[in-house]
Amino acid sequence: MSTVTSRAIDDRTTAGRQGTAEADNLAVASFLLGLPGLLLFNIVLGPIAITLATLALVRGTDRRGRAFLGLALGIASLAILAVTAATSHGVLIDLGS
């Protein structure tokens, strides 16, 4: 095999490893943002966790479980927000009383 061909193969392999590492980082970030999103800033952290988890799964992460967990936590945080808003008649924090 020529040097040019082996260098091209090495470049593709390195690019593949970097893509997988980036997808793994997205999966971890989705989990880490989805977890506090259950209690704090769920209107912001929930959609971000869902987006990062989806990107990680599309890009082929090796940490599929972590990505699915981040996706589930993001969806759960939005569900908690919806239930809280529905049961409190749209008032999440009452500073007046």
PDB file of N, CA and C in Angstrom:
ATOM      1  N   MET A   1       0.846  -1.167   0.000  1.00  0.00           N
ATOM      2  CA  MET A   1       0.000   0.000   0.000  1.00  0.00           C
ATOM      3  C   MET A   1       0.895   1.235   0.000  1.00  0.00           C
ATOM      4  N   SER A   2       0.505   2.232  -0.725  1.00  0.00           N
ATOM      5  CA  SER A   2       1.333   3.426  -0.817  1.00  0.00           C
ATOM      6  C   SER A   2       1.158   4.298   0.419  1.00  0.00           C
ATOM      7  N   THR A   3       2.075   5.224   0.577  1.00  0.00           N
ATOM      8  CA  THR A   3       2.050   6.125   1.719  1.00  0.00           C
ATOM      9  C   THR A   3       0.832   7.037   1.664  1.00  0.00           C
ATOM     10  N   VAL A   4       0.469   7.475   0.479  1.00  0.00           N
ATOM     11  CA  VAL A   4      -0.682   8.365   0.327  1.00  0.00           C
ATOM     12  C   VAL A   4      -1.968   7.643   0.727  1.00  0.00           C
ATOM     13  N   THR A   5      -2.123   6.402   0.311  1.00  0.00           N
ATOM     14  CA  THR A   5      -3.319   5.638   0.640  1.00  0.00           C
ATOM     15  C   THR A   5      -3.403   5.362   2.135  1.00  0.00           C
ATOM     16  N   SER A   6      -2.315   4.988   2.751  1.00  0.00           N
ATOM     17  CA  SER A   6      -2.337   4.711   4.184  1.00  0.00           C
ATOM     18  C   SER A   6      -2.584   5.983   4.977  1.00  0.00           C
ATOM     19  N   ARG A   7      -2.080   7.115   4.504  1.00  0.00           N
ATOM     20  CA  ARG A   7      -2.327   8.388   5.189  1.00  0.00           C
ATOM     21  C   ARG A   7      -3.806   8.750   5.090  1.00  0.00           C
ATOM     22  N   ALA A   8      -4.437   8.503   3.945  1.00  0.00           N
ATOM     23  CA  ALA A   8      -5.859   8.789   3.779  1.00  0.00           C
ATOM     24  C   ALA A   8      -6.701   7.907   4.703  1.00  0.00           C
ATOM     25  N   ILE A   9      -6.307   6.658   4.833  1.00  0.00           N
ATOM     26  CA  ILE A   9      -7.021   5.746   5.739  1.00  0.00           C
ATOM     27  C   ILE A   9      -6.858   6.197   7.180  1.00  0.00           C
ATOM     28  N   ASP A  10      -5.656   6.600   7.562  1.00  0.00           N
ATOM     29  CA  ASP A  10      -5.411   7.094   8.913  1.00  0.00           C
ATOM     30  C   ASP A  10      -6.225   8.351   9.195  1.00  0.00           C
ATOM     31  N   ASP A  11      -6.317   9.243   8.213  1.00  0.00           N
ATOM     32  CA  ASP A  11      -7.096  10.464   8.388  1.00  0.00           C
ATOM     33  C   ASP A  11      -8.572  10.157   8.607  1.00  0.00           C
ATOM     34  N   ARG A  12      -9.114   9.205   7.849  1.00  0.00           N
ATOM     35  CA  ARG A  12     -10.523   8.832   8.017  1.00  0.00           C
ATOM     36  C   ARG A  12     -10.746   8.173   9.368  1.00  0.00           C
ATOM     37  N   THR A  13      -9.814   7.354   9.812  1.00  0.00           N
ATOM     38  CA  THR A  13      -9.940   6.695  11.109  1.00  0.00           C
ATOM     39  C   THR A  13      -9.895   7.714  12.231  1.00  0.00           C
ATOM     40  N   THR A  14      -8.990   8.680  12.135  1.00  0.00           N
ATOM     41  CA  THR A  14      -8.891   9.724  13.142  1.00  0.00           C
ATOM     42  C   THR A  14     -10.150  10.575  13.158  1.00  0.00           C
ATOM     43  N   ALA A  15     -10.674  10.910  11.993  1.00  0.00           N
ATOM     44  CA  ALA A  15     -11.902  11.692  11.926  1.00  0.00           C
ATOM     45  C   ALA A  15     -13.072  10.906  12.517  1.00  0.00           C
ATOM     46  N   GLY A  16     -13.099   9.596  12.304  1.00  0.00           N
ATOM     47  CA  GLY A  16     -14.157   8.763  12.876  1.00  0.00           C
ATOM     48  C   GLY A  16     -14.091   8.713  14.391  1.00  0.00           C
ATOM     49  N   ARG A  17     -12.860   8.627  14.917  1.00  0.00           N
ATOM     50  CA  ARG A  17     -12.698   8.621  16.374  1.00  0.00           C
ATOM     51  C   ARG A  17     -13.111   9.954  16.974  1.00  0.00           C
ATOM     52  N   GLN A  18     -12.769  11.060  16.299  1.00  0.00           N
ATOM     53  CA  GLN A  18     -13.146  12.374  16.815  1.00  0.00           C
ATOM     54  C   GLN A  18     -14.656  12.556  16.770  1.00  0.00           C
ATOM     55  N   GLY A  19     -15.310  12.054  15.732  1.00  0.00           N
ATOM     56  CA  GLY A  19     -16.761  12.149  15.639  1.00  0.00           C
ATOM     57  C   GLY A  19     -17.449  11.351  16.728  1.00  0.00           C
ATOM     58  N   THR A  20     -16.914  10.170  17.018  1.00  0.00           N
ATOM     59  CA  THR A  20     -17.483   9.349  18.088  1.00  0.00           C
ATOM     60  C   THR A  20     -17.249   9.989  19.449  1.00  0.00           C
ATOM     61  N   ALA A  21     -16.063  10.555  19.646  1.00  0.00           N
ATOM     62  CA  ALA A  21     -15.769  11.219  20.915  1.00  0.00           C
ATOM     63  C   ALA A  21     -16.673  12.428  21.112  1.00  0.00           C
ATOM     64  N   GLU A  22     -16.926  13.157  20.031  1.00  0.00           N
ATOM     65  CA  GLU A  22     -17.827  14.307  20.126  1.00  0.00           C
ATOM     66  C   GLU A  22     -19.250  13.852  20.438  1.00  0.00           C
ATOM     67  N   ALA A  23     -19.690  12.774  19.827  1.00  0.00           N
ATOM     68  CA  ALA A  23     -21.024  12.244  20.097  1.00  0.00           C
ATOM     69  C   ALA A  23     -21.126  11.736  21.536  1.00  0.00           C
ATOM     70  N   ASP A  24     -20.047  11.116  22.042  1.00  0.00           N
ATOM     71  CA  ASP A  24     -20.031  10.673  23.434  1.00  0.00           C
ATOM     72  C   ASP A  24     -20.142  11.861  24.380  1.00  0.00           C
ATOM     73  N   ASN A  25     -19.442  12.944  24.056  1.00  0.00           N
ATOM     74  CA  ASN A  25     -19.525  14.144  24.885  1.00  0.00           C
ATOM     75  C   ASN A  25     -20.918  14.747  24.863  1.00  0.00           C
ATOM     76  N   LEU A  26     -21.579  14.696  23.719  1.00  0.00           N
ATOM     77  CA  LEU A  26     -22.958  15.181  23.629  1.00  0.00           C
ATOM     78  C   LEU A  26     -23.895  14.335  24.488  1.00  0.00           C
ATOM     79  N   ALA A  27     -23.672  13.026  24.503  1.00  0.00           N
ATOM     80  CA  ALA A  27     -24.513  12.136  25.322  1.00  0.00           C
ATOM     81  C   ALA A  27     -24.344  12.444  26.808  1.00  0.00           C
ATOM     82  N   VAL A  28     -23.106  12.639  27.228  1.00  0.00           N
ATOM     83  CA  VAL A  28     -22.842  12.957  28.635  1.00  0.00           C
ATOM     84  C   VAL A  28     -23.432  14.321  28.987  1.00  0.00           C
ATOM     85  N   ALA A  29     -23.273  15.297  28.102  1.00  0.00           N
ATOM     86  CA  ALA A  29     -23.820  16.629  28.355  1.00  0.00           C
ATOM     87  C   ALA A  29     -25.340  16.599  28.452  1.00  0.00           C
ATOM     88  N   SER A  30     -25.986  15.797  27.624  1.00  0.00           N
ATOM     89  CA  SER A  30     -27.446  15.715  27.689  1.00  0.00           C
ATOM     90  C   SER A  30     -27.896  15.141  29.022  1.00  0.00           C
ATOM     91  N   PHE A  31     -27.175  14.137  29.504  1.00  0.00           N
ATOM     92  CA  PHE A  31     -27.509  13.564  30.810  1.00  0.00           C
ATOM     93  C   PHE A  31     -27.281  14.583  31.924  1.00  0.00           C
ATOM     94  N   LEU A  32     -26.141  15.268  31.870  1.00  0.00           N
ATOM     95  CA  LEU A  32     -25.802  16.211  32.937  1.00  0.00           C
ATOM     96  C   LEU A  32     -26.698  17.452  32.928  1.00  0.00           C
ATOM     97  N   LEU A  33     -27.257  17.818  31.803  1.00  0.00           N
ATOM     98  CA  LEU A  33     -28.196  18.934  31.766  1.00  0.00           C
ATOM     99  C   LEU A  33     -29.624  18.488  32.055  1.00  0.00           C
ATOM    100  N   GLY A  34     -29.952  17.253  31.727  1.00  0.00           N
ATOM    101  CA  GLY A  34     -31.291  16.754  31.998  1.00  0.00           C
ATOM    102  C   GLY A  34     -31.546  16.499  33.464  1.00  0.00           C
ATOM    103  N   LEU A  35     -30.506  16.124  34.187  1.00  0.00           N
ATOM    104  CA  LEU A  35     -30.662  15.809  35.610  1.00  0.00           C
ATOM    105  C   LEU A  35     -31.070  17.025  36.441  1.00  0.00           C
ATOM    106  N   PRO A  36     -30.344  18.132  36.396  1.00  0.00           N
ATOM    107  CA  PRO A  36     -30.832  19.297  37.159  1.00  0.00           C
ATOM    108  C   PRO A  36     -32.064  19.933  36.523  1.00  0.00           C
ATOM    109  N   GLY A  37     -32.304  19.627  35.248  1.00  0.00           N
ATOM    110  CA  GLY A  37     -33.482  20.155  34.574  1.00  0.00           C
ATOM    111  C   GLY A  37     -34.782  19.644  35.165  1.00  0.00           C
ATOM    112  N   LEU A  38     -34.725  18.579  35.936  1.00  0.00           N
ATOM    113  CA  LEU A  38     -35.930  18.080  36.597  1.00  0.00           C
ATOM    114  C   LEU A  38     -36.423  19.065  37.659  1.00  0.00           C
ATOM    115  N   LEU A  39     -35.494  19.810  38.257  1.00  0.00           N
ATOM    116  CA  LEU A  39     -35.865  20.708  39.348  1.00  0.00           C
ATOM    117  C   LEU A  39     -35.661  22.183  39.024  1.00  0.00           C
ATOM    118  N   LEU A  40     -34.646  22.505  38.256  1.00  0.00           N
ATOM    119  CA  LEU A  40     -34.281  23.892  38.005  1.00  0.00           C
ATOM    120  C   LEU A  40     -34.309  24.199  36.516  1.00  0.00           C
ATOM    121  N   PHE A  41     -34.840  25.341  36.157  1.00  0.00           N
ATOM    122  CA  PHE A  41     -34.804  25.851  34.786  1.00  0.00           C
ATOM    123  C   PHE A  41     -35.251  24.806  33.759  1.00  0.00           C
ATOM    124  N   ASN A  42     -36.332  24.075  34.075  1.00  0.00           N
ATOM    125  CA  ASN A  42     -36.731  22.997  33.175  1.00  0.00           C
ATOM    126  C   ASN A  42     -37.212  23.498  31.826  1.00  0.00           C
ATOM    127  N   ILE A  43     -37.616  24.734  31.716  1.00  0.00           N
ATOM    128  CA  ILE A  43     -38.042  25.244  30.414  1.00  0.00           C
ATOM    129  C   ILE A  43     -36.836  25.468  29.494  1.00  0.00           C
ATOM    130  N   VAL A  44     -35.644  25.611  30.069  1.00  0.00           N
ATOM    131  CA  VAL A  44     -34.425  25.811  29.284  1.00  0.00           C
ATOM    132  C   VAL A  44     -33.636  24.508  29.155  1.00  0.00           C
ATOM    133  N   LEU A  45     -33.402  23.839  30.281  1.00  0.00           N
ATOM    134  CA  LEU A  45     -32.540  22.657  30.283  1.00  0.00           C
ATOM    135  C   LEU A  45     -33.189  21.437  29.639  1.00  0.00           C
ATOM    136  N   GLY A  46     -34.511  21.326  29.713  1.00  0.00           N
ATOM    137  CA  GLY A  46     -35.196  20.192  29.101  1.00  0.00           C
ATOM    138  C   GLY A  46     -35.005  20.115  27.594  1.00  0.00           C
ATOM    139  N   PRO A  47     -35.334  21.180  26.863  1.00  0.00           N
ATOM    140  CA  PRO A  47     -35.125  21.129  25.412  1.00  0.00           C
ATOM    141  C   PRO A  47     -33.657  20.987  25.008  1.00  0.00           C
ATOM    142  N   ILE A  48     -32.755  21.583  25.778  1.00  0.00           N
ATOM    143  CA  ILE A  48     -31.330  21.432  25.457  1.00  0.00           C
ATOM    144  C   ILE A  48     -30.901  19.982  25.627  1.00  0.00           C
ATOM    145  N   ALA A  49     -31.349  19.325  26.701  1.00  0.00           N
ATOM    146  CA  ALA A  49     -31.014  17.920  26.925  1.00  0.00           C
ATOM    147  C   ALA A  49     -31.583  17.041  25.820  1.00  0.00           C
ATOM    148  N   ILE A  50     -32.799  17.326  25.386  1.00  0.00           N
ATOM    149  CA  ILE A  50     -33.424  16.552  24.305  1.00  0.00           C
ATOM    150  C   ILE A  50     -32.640  16.728  23.005  1.00  0.00           C
ATOM    151  N   THR A  51     -32.258  17.960  22.713  1.00  0.00           N
ATOM    152  CA  THR A  51     -31.516  18.238  21.486  1.00  0.00           C
ATOM    153  C   THR A  51     -30.148  17.560  21.489  1.00  0.00           C
ATOM    154  N   LEU A  52     -29.419  17.672  22.595  1.00  0.00           N
ATOM    155  CA  LEU A  52     -28.087  17.055  22.671  1.00  0.00           C
ATOM    156  C   LEU A  52     -28.165  15.537  22.598  1.00  0.00           C
ATOM    157  N   ALA A  53     -29.165  14.947  23.236  1.00  0.00           N
ATOM    158  CA  ALA A  53     -29.319  13.495  23.190  1.00  0.00           C
ATOM    159  C   ALA A  53     -29.646  13.026  21.776  1.00  0.00           C
ATOM    160  N   THR A  54     -30.508  13.768  21.104  1.00  0.00           N
ATOM    161  CA  THR A  54     -30.852  13.413  19.727  1.00  0.00           C
ATOM    162  C   THR A  54     -29.636  13.514  18.812  1.00  0.00           C
ATOM    163  N   LEU A  55     -28.859  14.580  18.962  1.00  0.00           N
ATOM    164  CA  LEU A  55     -27.641  14.728  18.159  1.00  0.00           C
ATOM    165  C   LEU A  55     -26.651  13.596  18.437  1.00  0.00           C
ATOM    166  N   ALA A  56     -26.508  13.218  19.696  1.00  0.00           N
ATOM    167  CA  ALA A  56     -25.587  12.136  20.050  1.00  0.00           C
ATOM    168  C   ALA A  56     -26.031  10.822  19.419  1.00  0.00           C
ATOM    169  N   LEU A  57     -27.322  10.549  19.446  1.00  0.00           N
ATOM    170  CA  LEU A  57     -27.816   9.304  18.858  1.00  0.00           C
ATOM    171  C   LEU A  57     -27.687   9.301  17.342  1.00  0.00           C
ATOM    172  N   VAL A  58     -27.925  10.434  16.714  1.00  0.00           N
ATOM    173  CA  VAL A  58     -27.810  10.525  15.261  1.00  0.00           C
ATOM    174  C   VAL A  58     -26.353  10.354  14.830  1.00  0.00           C
ATOM    175  N   ARG A  59     -25.433  10.902  15.611  1.00  0.00           N
ATOM    176  CA  ARG A  59     -24.008  10.833  15.259  1.00  0.00           C
ATOM    177  C   ARG A  59     -23.369   9.509  15.657  1.00  0.00           C
ATOM    178  N   GLY A  60     -24.109   8.619  16.266  1.00  0.00           N
ATOM    179  CA  GLY A  60     -23.612   7.272  16.555  1.00  0.00           C
ATOM    180  C   GLY A  60     -22.715   7.182  17.768  1.00  0.00           C
ATOM    181  N   THR A  61     -23.208   7.627  18.903  1.00  0.00           N
ATOM    182  CA  THR A  61     -22.427   7.576  20.129  1.00  0.00           C
ATOM    183  C   THR A  61     -22.247   6.144  20.618  1.00  0.00           C
ATOM    184  N   ASP A  62     -21.155   5.906  21.314  1.00  0.00           N
ATOM    185  CA  ASP A  62     -20.952   4.619  21.966  1.00  0.00           C
ATOM    186  C   ASP A  62     -21.693   4.566  23.299  1.00  0.00           C
ATOM    187  N   ARG A  63     -22.100   5.714  23.809  1.00  0.00           N
ATOM    188  CA  ARG A  63     -22.808   5.805  25.092  1.00  0.00           C
ATOM    189  C   ARG A  63     -24.305   5.986  24.841  1.00  0.00           C
ATOM    190  N   ARG A  64     -24.902   4.998  24.198  1.00  0.00           N
ATOM    191  CA  ARG A  64     -26.314   5.089  23.845  1.00  0.00           C
ATOM    192  C   ARG A  64     -27.204   5.141  25.075  1.00  0.00           C
ATOM    193  N   GLY A  65     -26.864   4.395  26.108  1.00  0.00           N
ATOM    194  CA  GLY A  65     -27.661   4.408  27.337  1.00  0.00           C
ATOM    195  C   GLY A  65     -27.693   5.784  27.980  1.00  0.00           C
ATOM    196  N   ARG A  66     -26.538   6.441  28.008  1.00  0.00           N
ATOM    197  CA  ARG A  66     -26.457   7.777  28.580  1.00  0.00           C
ATOM    198  C   ARG A  66     -27.259   8.765  27.734  1.00  0.00           C
ATOM    199  N   ALA A  67     -27.224   8.600  26.423  1.00  0.00           N
ATOM    200  CA  ALA A  67     -27.998   9.487  25.548  1.00  0.00           C
ATOM    201  C   ALA A  67     -29.495   9.270  25.746  1.00  0.00           C
ATOM    202  N   PHE A  68     -29.920   8.012  25.831  1.00  0.00           N
ATOM    203  CA  PHE A  68     -31.340   7.737  26.070  1.00  0.00           C
ATOM    204  C   PHE A  68     -31.780   8.248  27.435  1.00  0.00           C
ATOM    205  N   LEU A  69     -30.895   8.159  28.424  1.00  0.00           N
ATOM    206  CA  LEU A  69     -31.216   8.681  29.756  1.00  0.00           C
ATOM    207  C   LEU A  69     -31.356  10.197  29.709  1.00  0.00           C
ATOM    208  N   GLY A  70     -30.466  10.875  28.985  1.00  0.00           N
ATOM    209  CA  GLY A  70     -30.578  12.323  28.831  1.00  0.00           C
ATOM    210  C   GLY A  70     -31.855  12.710  28.113  1.00  0.00           C
ATOM    211  N   LEU A  71     -32.226  11.933  27.102  1.00  0.00           N
ATOM    212  CA  LEU A  71     -33.468  12.176  26.376  1.00  0.00           C
ATOM    213  C   LEU A  71     -34.677  12.000  27.301  1.00  0.00           C
ATOM    214  N   ALA A  72     -34.678  10.948  28.081  1.00  0.00           N
ATOM    215  CA  ALA A  72     -35.791  10.690  29.008  1.00  0.00           C
ATOM    216  C   ALA A  72     -35.873  11.777  30.080  1.00  0.00           C
ATOM    217  N   LEU A  73     -34.724  12.214  30.584  1.00  0.00           N
ATOM    218  CA  LEU A  73     -34.726  13.264  31.607  1.00  0.00           C
ATOM    219  C   LEU A  73     -35.214  14.594  31.028  1.00  0.00           C
ATOM    220  N   GLY A  74     -34.839  14.883  29.796  1.00  0.00           N
ATOM    221  CA  GLY A  74     -35.313  16.111  29.157  1.00  0.00           C
ATOM    222  C   GLY A  74     -36.817  16.097  28.964  1.00  0.00           C
ATOM    223  N   ILE A  75     -37.339  14.965  28.521  1.00  0.00           N
ATOM    224  CA  ILE A  75     -38.789  14.837  28.338  1.00  0.00           C
ATOM    225  C   ILE A  75     -39.503  14.903  29.692  1.00  0.00           C
ATOM    226  N   ALA A  76     -38.932  14.257  30.698  1.00  0.00           N
ATOM    227  CA  ALA A  76     -39.534  14.287  32.036  1.00  0.00           C
ATOM    228  C   ALA A  76     -39.538  15.699  32.617  1.00  0.00           C
ATOM    229  N   SER A  77     -38.485  16.466  32.373  1.00  0.00           N
ATOM    230  CA  SER A  77     -38.457  17.832  32.904  1.00  0.00           C
ATOM    231  C   SER A  77     -39.531  18.692  32.255  1.00  0.00           C
ATOM    232  N   LEU A  78     -39.775  18.493  30.962  1.00  0.00           N
ATOM    233  CA  LEU A  78     -40.851  19.238  30.310  1.00  0.00           C
ATOM    234  C   LEU A  78     -42.222  18.771  30.790  1.00  0.00           C
ATOM    235  N   ALA A  79     -42.346  17.478  31.081  1.00  0.00           N
ATOM    236  CA  ALA A  79     -43.611  16.961  31.617  1.00  0.00           C
ATOM    237  C   ALA A  79     -43.877  17.536  33.012  1.00  0.00           C
ATOM    238  N   ILE A  80     -42.839  17.621  33.833  1.00  0.00           N
ATOM    239  CA  ILE A  80     -42.983  18.206  35.176  1.00  0.00           C
ATOM    240  C   ILE A  80     -43.376  19.673  35.066  1.00  0.00           C
ATOM    241  N   LEU A  81     -42.770  20.378  34.128  1.00  0.00           N
ATOM    242  CA  LEU A  81     -43.129  21.783  33.916  1.00  0.00           C
ATOM    243  C   LEU A  81     -44.593  21.914  33.516  1.00  0.00           C
ATOM    244  N   ALA A  82     -45.060  21.049  32.623  1.00  0.00           N
ATOM    245  CA  ALA A  82     -46.454  21.108  32.173  1.00  0.00           C
ATOM    246  C   ALA A  82     -47.418  20.811  33.315  1.00  0.00           C
ATOM    247  N   VAL A  83     -47.101  19.800  34.116  1.00  0.00           N
ATOM    248  CA  VAL A  83     -47.974  19.451  35.245  1.00  0.00           C
ATOM    249  C   VAL A  83     -47.983  20.560  36.279  1.00  0.00           C
ATOM    250  N   THR A  84     -46.835  21.120  36.559  1.00  0.00           N
ATOM    251  CA  THR A  84     -46.744  22.205  37.543  1.00  0.00           C
ATOM    252  C   THR A  84     -47.514  23.430  37.069  1.00  0.00           C
ATOM    253  N   ALA A  85     -47.379  23.773  35.811  1.00  0.00           N
ATOM    254  CA  ALA A  85     -48.105  24.929  35.273  1.00  0.00           C
ATOM    255  C   ALA A  85     -49.610  24.677  35.261  1.00  0.00           C
ATOM    256  N   ALA A  86     -50.028  23.456  34.976  1.00  0.00           N
ATOM    257  CA  ALA A  86     -51.462  23.145  34.919  1.00  0.00           C
ATOM    258  C   ALA A  86     -52.097  23.131  36.302  1.00  0.00           C
ATOM    259  N   THR A  87     -51.385  22.635  37.286  1.00  0.00           N
ATOM    260  CA  THR A  87     -51.972  22.527  38.629  1.00  0.00           C
ATOM    261  C   THR A  87     -51.902  23.821  39.415  1.00  0.00           C
ATOM    262  N   SER A  88     -51.017  24.717  39.031  1.00  0.00           N
ATOM    263  CA  SER A  88     -50.918  25.985  39.763  1.00  0.00           C
ATOM    264  C   SER A  88     -51.531  27.135  38.970  1.00  0.00           C
ATOM    265  N   HIS A  89     -52.335  26.811  37.972  1.00  0.00           N
ATOM    266  CA  HIS A  89     -53.034  27.799  37.149  1.00  0.00           C
ATOM    267  C   HIS A  89     -52.068  28.757  36.468  1.00  0.00           C
ATOM    268  N   GLY A  90     -50.905  28.250  36.078  1.00  0.00           N
ATOM    269  CA  GLY A  90     -49.937  29.050  35.344  1.00  0.00           C
ATOM    270  C   GLY A  90     -48.980  29.844  36.205  1.00  0.00           C
ATOM    271  N   VAL A  91     -49.163  29.814  37.531  1.00  0.00           N
ATOM    272  CA  VAL A  91     -48.283  30.560  38.424  1.00  0.00           C
ATOM    273  C   VAL A  91     -47.302  29.581  39.041  1.00  0.00           C
ATOM    274  N   LEU A  92     -46.030  29.717  38.659  1.00  0.00           N
ATOM    275  CA  LEU A  92     -45.029  28.788  39.179  1.00  0.00           C
ATOM    276  C   LEU A  92     -44.424  29.300  40.479  1.00  0.00           C
ATOM    277  N   ILE A  93     -44.229  30.598  40.602  1.00  0.00           N
ATOM    278  CA  ILE A  93     -43.660  31.186  41.813  1.00  0.00           C
ATOM    279  C   ILE A  93     -44.544  32.348  42.231  1.00  0.00           C
ATOM    280  N   ASP A  94     -45.003  32.335  43.464  1.00  0.00           N
ATOM    281  CA  ASP A  94     -45.848  33.405  43.972  1.00  0.00           C
ATOM    282  C   ASP A  94     -45.053  34.186  45.014  1.00  0.00           C
ATOM    283  N   LEU A  95     -44.549  35.328  44.594  1.00  0.00           N
ATOM    284  CA  LEU A  95     -43.752  36.159  45.509  1.00  0.00           C
ATOM    285  C   LEU A  95     -44.597  37.169  46.273  1.00  0.00           C
ATOM    286  N   GLY A  96     -45.863  37.309  45.898  1.00  0.00           N
ATOM    287  CA  GLY A  96     -46.731  38.324  46.505  1.00  0.00           C
ATOM    288  C   GLY A  96     -47.295  37.942  47.856  1.00  0.00           C
ATOM    289  N   SER A  97     -47.311  36.682  48.231  1.00  0.00           N
ATOM    290  CA  SER A  97     -47.958  36.324  49.500  1.00  0.00           C
ATOM    291  C   SER A  97     -46.997  35.850  50.540  1.00  0.00           C
TER     292      SER A  97
END
